[in-house]
N, C-alpha and C. Protein backbone atom coordinates (compact mmCIF):
# COMPACT_ATOMS: atom_id res chain seq x y z
N UNK A 1 -20.90 156.31 96.13
CA UNK A 1 -21.49 156.23 94.81
C UNK A 1 -20.38 156.43 93.80
N UNK A 2 -20.25 155.51 92.89
CA UNK A 2 -19.21 155.57 91.87
C UNK A 2 -19.67 156.49 90.76
N UNK A 3 -18.88 157.53 90.49
CA UNK A 3 -19.24 158.50 89.46
C UNK A 3 -18.49 158.21 88.17
N UNK A 4 -17.21 157.96 88.24
CA UNK A 4 -16.45 157.64 87.04
C UNK A 4 -15.40 156.59 87.35
N UNK A 5 -14.98 155.92 86.34
CA UNK A 5 -13.99 154.87 86.48
C UNK A 5 -13.13 154.91 85.23
N UNK A 6 -11.98 155.57 85.29
CA UNK A 6 -11.13 155.69 84.10
C UNK A 6 -9.73 155.18 84.40
N UNK A 7 -9.11 154.63 83.39
CA UNK A 7 -7.76 154.09 83.55
C UNK A 7 -6.72 155.20 83.47
N UNK A 8 -5.78 155.17 84.39
CA UNK A 8 -4.64 156.08 84.39
C UNK A 8 -3.42 155.21 84.62
N UNK A 9 -2.75 154.82 83.52
CA UNK A 9 -1.61 153.92 83.65
C UNK A 9 -2.11 152.53 84.02
N UNK A 10 -1.47 151.94 85.01
CA UNK A 10 -1.86 150.60 85.46
C UNK A 10 -2.97 150.64 86.51
N UNK A 11 -3.28 151.80 87.00
CA UNK A 11 -4.24 151.91 88.10
C UNK A 11 -5.59 152.40 87.60
N UNK A 12 -6.61 152.03 88.29
CA UNK A 12 -7.95 152.53 87.98
C UNK A 12 -8.24 153.66 88.95
N UNK A 13 -8.53 154.83 88.41
CA UNK A 13 -8.84 156.00 89.22
C UNK A 13 -10.36 156.08 89.39
N UNK A 14 -10.83 156.11 90.62
CA UNK A 14 -12.26 156.19 90.87
C UNK A 14 -12.57 157.46 91.64
N UNK A 15 -13.50 158.23 91.12
CA UNK A 15 -13.96 159.43 91.81
C UNK A 15 -15.26 159.08 92.51
N UNK A 16 -15.39 159.56 93.72
CA UNK A 16 -16.64 159.34 94.44
C UNK A 16 -17.24 160.69 94.80
N UNK A 17 -18.52 160.70 94.89
CA UNK A 17 -19.23 161.91 95.26
C UNK A 17 -20.02 161.60 96.52
N UNK A 18 -20.00 162.51 97.48
CA UNK A 18 -20.76 162.29 98.70
C UNK A 18 -22.25 162.33 98.39
N UNK A 19 -22.97 161.45 99.04
CA UNK A 19 -24.41 161.37 98.84
C UNK A 19 -25.12 162.32 99.79
N UNK A 20 -26.26 162.83 99.36
CA UNK A 20 -27.11 163.61 100.23
C UNK A 20 -28.21 162.70 100.75
N UNK A 21 -28.45 162.80 102.03
CA UNK A 21 -29.51 162.02 102.65
C UNK A 21 -30.29 162.91 103.60
N UNK A 22 -31.52 162.54 103.84
CA UNK A 22 -32.37 163.27 104.78
C UNK A 22 -32.04 162.81 106.20
N UNK A 23 -31.76 163.77 107.07
CA UNK A 23 -31.45 163.46 108.46
C UNK A 23 -32.10 164.49 109.38
N UNK A 24 -32.44 164.07 110.58
CA UNK A 24 -33.02 164.97 111.57
C UNK A 24 -31.93 165.86 112.14
N UNK A 25 -32.23 167.15 112.25
CA UNK A 25 -31.29 168.14 112.81
C UNK A 25 -32.01 168.89 113.93
N UNK A 26 -31.35 168.98 115.08
CA UNK A 26 -31.95 169.59 116.26
C UNK A 26 -31.29 170.93 116.55
N UNK A 27 -32.11 171.96 116.80
CA UNK A 27 -31.61 173.24 117.27
C UNK A 27 -31.39 173.08 118.78
N UNK A 28 -30.16 172.76 119.17
CA UNK A 28 -29.88 172.45 120.58
C UNK A 28 -30.03 173.65 121.50
N UNK A 29 -29.96 174.85 120.95
CA UNK A 29 -30.14 176.05 121.77
C UNK A 29 -31.59 176.24 122.18
N UNK A 30 -32.53 175.66 121.43
CA UNK A 30 -33.95 175.82 121.72
C UNK A 30 -34.59 174.54 122.28
N UNK A 31 -33.91 173.42 122.20
CA UNK A 31 -34.46 172.14 122.66
C UNK A 31 -34.70 172.18 124.17
N UNK A 32 -35.87 171.67 124.60
CA UNK A 32 -36.21 171.66 126.02
C UNK A 32 -36.01 170.28 126.65
N UNK A 33 -35.46 169.34 125.89
CA UNK A 33 -35.13 167.99 126.37
C UNK A 33 -36.33 167.26 126.96
N UNK A 34 -37.48 167.40 126.32
CA UNK A 34 -38.70 166.76 126.84
C UNK A 34 -38.74 165.26 126.58
N UNK A 35 -38.02 164.81 125.53
CA UNK A 35 -37.95 163.40 125.23
C UNK A 35 -39.04 162.86 124.32
N UNK A 36 -39.93 163.71 123.83
CA UNK A 36 -40.99 163.26 122.92
C UNK A 36 -40.40 162.63 121.66
N UNK A 37 -39.34 163.19 121.14
CA UNK A 37 -38.72 162.67 119.93
C UNK A 37 -38.11 161.30 120.16
N UNK A 38 -37.57 161.09 121.34
CA UNK A 38 -36.95 159.81 121.69
C UNK A 38 -38.01 158.70 121.65
N UNK A 39 -39.19 159.01 122.16
CA UNK A 39 -40.26 158.02 122.25
C UNK A 39 -40.79 157.59 120.88
N UNK A 40 -40.79 158.49 119.90
CA UNK A 40 -41.40 158.17 118.60
C UNK A 40 -40.40 157.70 117.55
N UNK A 41 -39.12 157.85 117.78
CA UNK A 41 -38.13 157.46 116.77
C UNK A 41 -38.13 155.94 116.57
N UNK A 42 -38.48 155.47 115.37
CA UNK A 42 -38.56 154.03 115.14
C UNK A 42 -37.21 153.32 115.11
N UNK A 43 -36.14 154.07 114.96
CA UNK A 43 -34.80 153.48 114.87
C UNK A 43 -33.96 153.69 116.13
N UNK A 44 -34.50 154.38 117.13
CA UNK A 44 -33.73 154.64 118.34
C UNK A 44 -32.54 155.54 118.09
N UNK A 45 -32.70 156.48 117.16
CA UNK A 45 -31.57 157.32 116.74
C UNK A 45 -31.41 158.59 117.59
N UNK A 46 -32.33 158.84 118.51
CA UNK A 46 -32.27 160.08 119.29
C UNK A 46 -32.15 159.77 120.77
N UNK A 47 -31.28 160.52 121.43
CA UNK A 47 -31.10 160.43 122.87
C UNK A 47 -31.06 161.84 123.44
N UNK A 48 -31.44 161.96 124.70
CA UNK A 48 -31.29 163.24 125.41
C UNK A 48 -29.93 163.19 126.09
N UNK A 49 -29.06 164.12 125.74
CA UNK A 49 -27.71 164.16 126.30
C UNK A 49 -27.63 165.10 127.49
N UNK A 50 -27.20 164.55 128.61
CA UNK A 50 -26.96 165.32 129.84
C UNK A 50 -28.18 166.12 130.27
N UNK A 51 -29.37 165.67 129.90
CA UNK A 51 -30.60 166.35 130.29
C UNK A 51 -30.75 167.73 129.69
N UNK A 52 -29.96 168.03 128.65
CA UNK A 52 -29.95 169.38 128.09
C UNK A 52 -30.65 169.45 126.74
N UNK A 53 -30.34 168.52 125.84
CA UNK A 53 -30.88 168.60 124.48
C UNK A 53 -30.85 167.24 123.81
N UNK A 54 -31.68 167.10 122.78
CA UNK A 54 -31.72 165.88 121.98
C UNK A 54 -30.49 165.83 121.08
N UNK A 55 -30.00 164.61 120.88
CA UNK A 55 -28.84 164.37 120.03
C UNK A 55 -29.20 163.26 119.06
N UNK A 56 -28.99 163.48 117.76
CA UNK A 56 -29.36 162.52 116.73
C UNK A 56 -28.13 161.76 116.26
N UNK A 57 -28.23 160.44 116.24
CA UNK A 57 -27.18 159.58 115.70
C UNK A 57 -27.49 159.41 114.21
N UNK A 58 -26.75 160.09 113.35
CA UNK A 58 -27.02 160.07 111.91
C UNK A 58 -26.78 158.69 111.28
N UNK A 59 -26.03 157.83 111.95
CA UNK A 59 -25.84 156.48 111.45
C UNK A 59 -27.15 155.69 111.53
N UNK A 60 -27.96 155.98 112.53
CA UNK A 60 -29.23 155.28 112.72
C UNK A 60 -30.41 156.00 112.09
N UNK A 61 -30.34 157.32 112.00
CA UNK A 61 -31.46 158.13 111.50
C UNK A 61 -31.76 157.81 110.03
N UNK A 62 -33.05 157.57 109.74
CA UNK A 62 -33.47 157.29 108.35
C UNK A 62 -34.20 158.49 107.73
N UNK A 63 -34.32 159.58 108.47
CA UNK A 63 -34.93 160.80 107.93
C UNK A 63 -36.43 160.73 107.75
N UNK A 64 -37.12 159.93 108.55
CA UNK A 64 -38.57 159.75 108.40
C UNK A 64 -39.38 160.97 108.83
N UNK A 65 -38.84 161.77 109.76
CA UNK A 65 -39.51 162.99 110.18
C UNK A 65 -40.49 162.84 111.33
N UNK A 66 -40.61 161.64 111.88
CA UNK A 66 -41.54 161.45 112.99
C UNK A 66 -41.17 162.32 114.20
N UNK A 67 -39.89 162.46 114.45
CA UNK A 67 -39.43 163.27 115.58
C UNK A 67 -39.80 164.74 115.39
N UNK A 68 -39.64 165.23 114.17
CA UNK A 68 -39.96 166.64 113.87
C UNK A 68 -41.45 166.91 114.04
N UNK A 69 -42.28 165.97 113.62
CA UNK A 69 -43.73 166.14 113.75
C UNK A 69 -44.17 166.11 115.21
N UNK A 70 -43.48 165.33 116.03
CA UNK A 70 -43.87 165.17 117.43
C UNK A 70 -43.31 166.26 118.35
N UNK A 71 -42.24 166.94 117.95
CA UNK A 71 -41.56 167.92 118.80
C UNK A 71 -42.48 169.10 119.16
N UNK A 72 -42.82 169.26 120.45
CA UNK A 72 -43.72 170.35 120.85
C UNK A 72 -43.06 171.73 120.73
N UNK A 73 -41.74 171.77 120.74
CA UNK A 73 -41.04 173.06 120.63
C UNK A 73 -40.68 173.39 119.18
N UNK A 74 -40.97 172.48 118.25
CA UNK A 74 -40.67 172.66 116.82
C UNK A 74 -39.20 173.01 116.56
N UNK A 75 -38.31 172.28 117.23
CA UNK A 75 -36.88 172.56 117.07
C UNK A 75 -36.14 171.48 116.28
N UNK A 76 -36.88 170.54 115.71
CA UNK A 76 -36.27 169.50 114.89
C UNK A 76 -36.74 169.67 113.46
N UNK A 77 -35.79 169.65 112.54
CA UNK A 77 -36.09 169.72 111.11
C UNK A 77 -35.38 168.56 110.42
N UNK A 78 -36.02 168.03 109.40
CA UNK A 78 -35.37 167.01 108.59
C UNK A 78 -34.80 167.74 107.37
N UNK A 79 -33.48 167.62 107.20
CA UNK A 79 -32.79 168.36 106.16
C UNK A 79 -31.95 167.41 105.31
N UNK A 80 -31.66 167.85 104.07
CA UNK A 80 -30.73 167.13 103.20
C UNK A 80 -29.32 167.48 103.66
N UNK A 81 -28.53 166.47 104.02
CA UNK A 81 -27.17 166.70 104.47
C UNK A 81 -26.21 165.79 103.72
N UNK A 82 -24.95 166.18 103.65
CA UNK A 82 -23.90 165.36 103.02
C UNK A 82 -23.48 164.31 104.03
N UNK A 83 -23.47 163.05 103.60
CA UNK A 83 -23.01 161.97 104.48
C UNK A 83 -21.94 161.15 103.79
C-alpha cells in the first residue's frame, strides 16, 4: 500500500506500510490433528503436518473463519496479522 510519494533529488522516495489481514492461527500445542479444519477450508489453506497439528498457509488463507467454527478443540482463531 502506497502511503506517500515525495521527491528527493532525482529519485522518488516511496514509503510502504504493511497491511493487516485476517488469517487463521492455530495453537499447535493444543491441536489434536483431527482434520476437520482441512475438510471445510474453501481455499485448501490448511494441512495436517506430520500427523501432529494443523498448519495454515497464509498465502492461501482468506480469513473466512470456517476452520475456527468447525474446530472441535477450539484451537483456531482468526486474527489480524501483519502481512
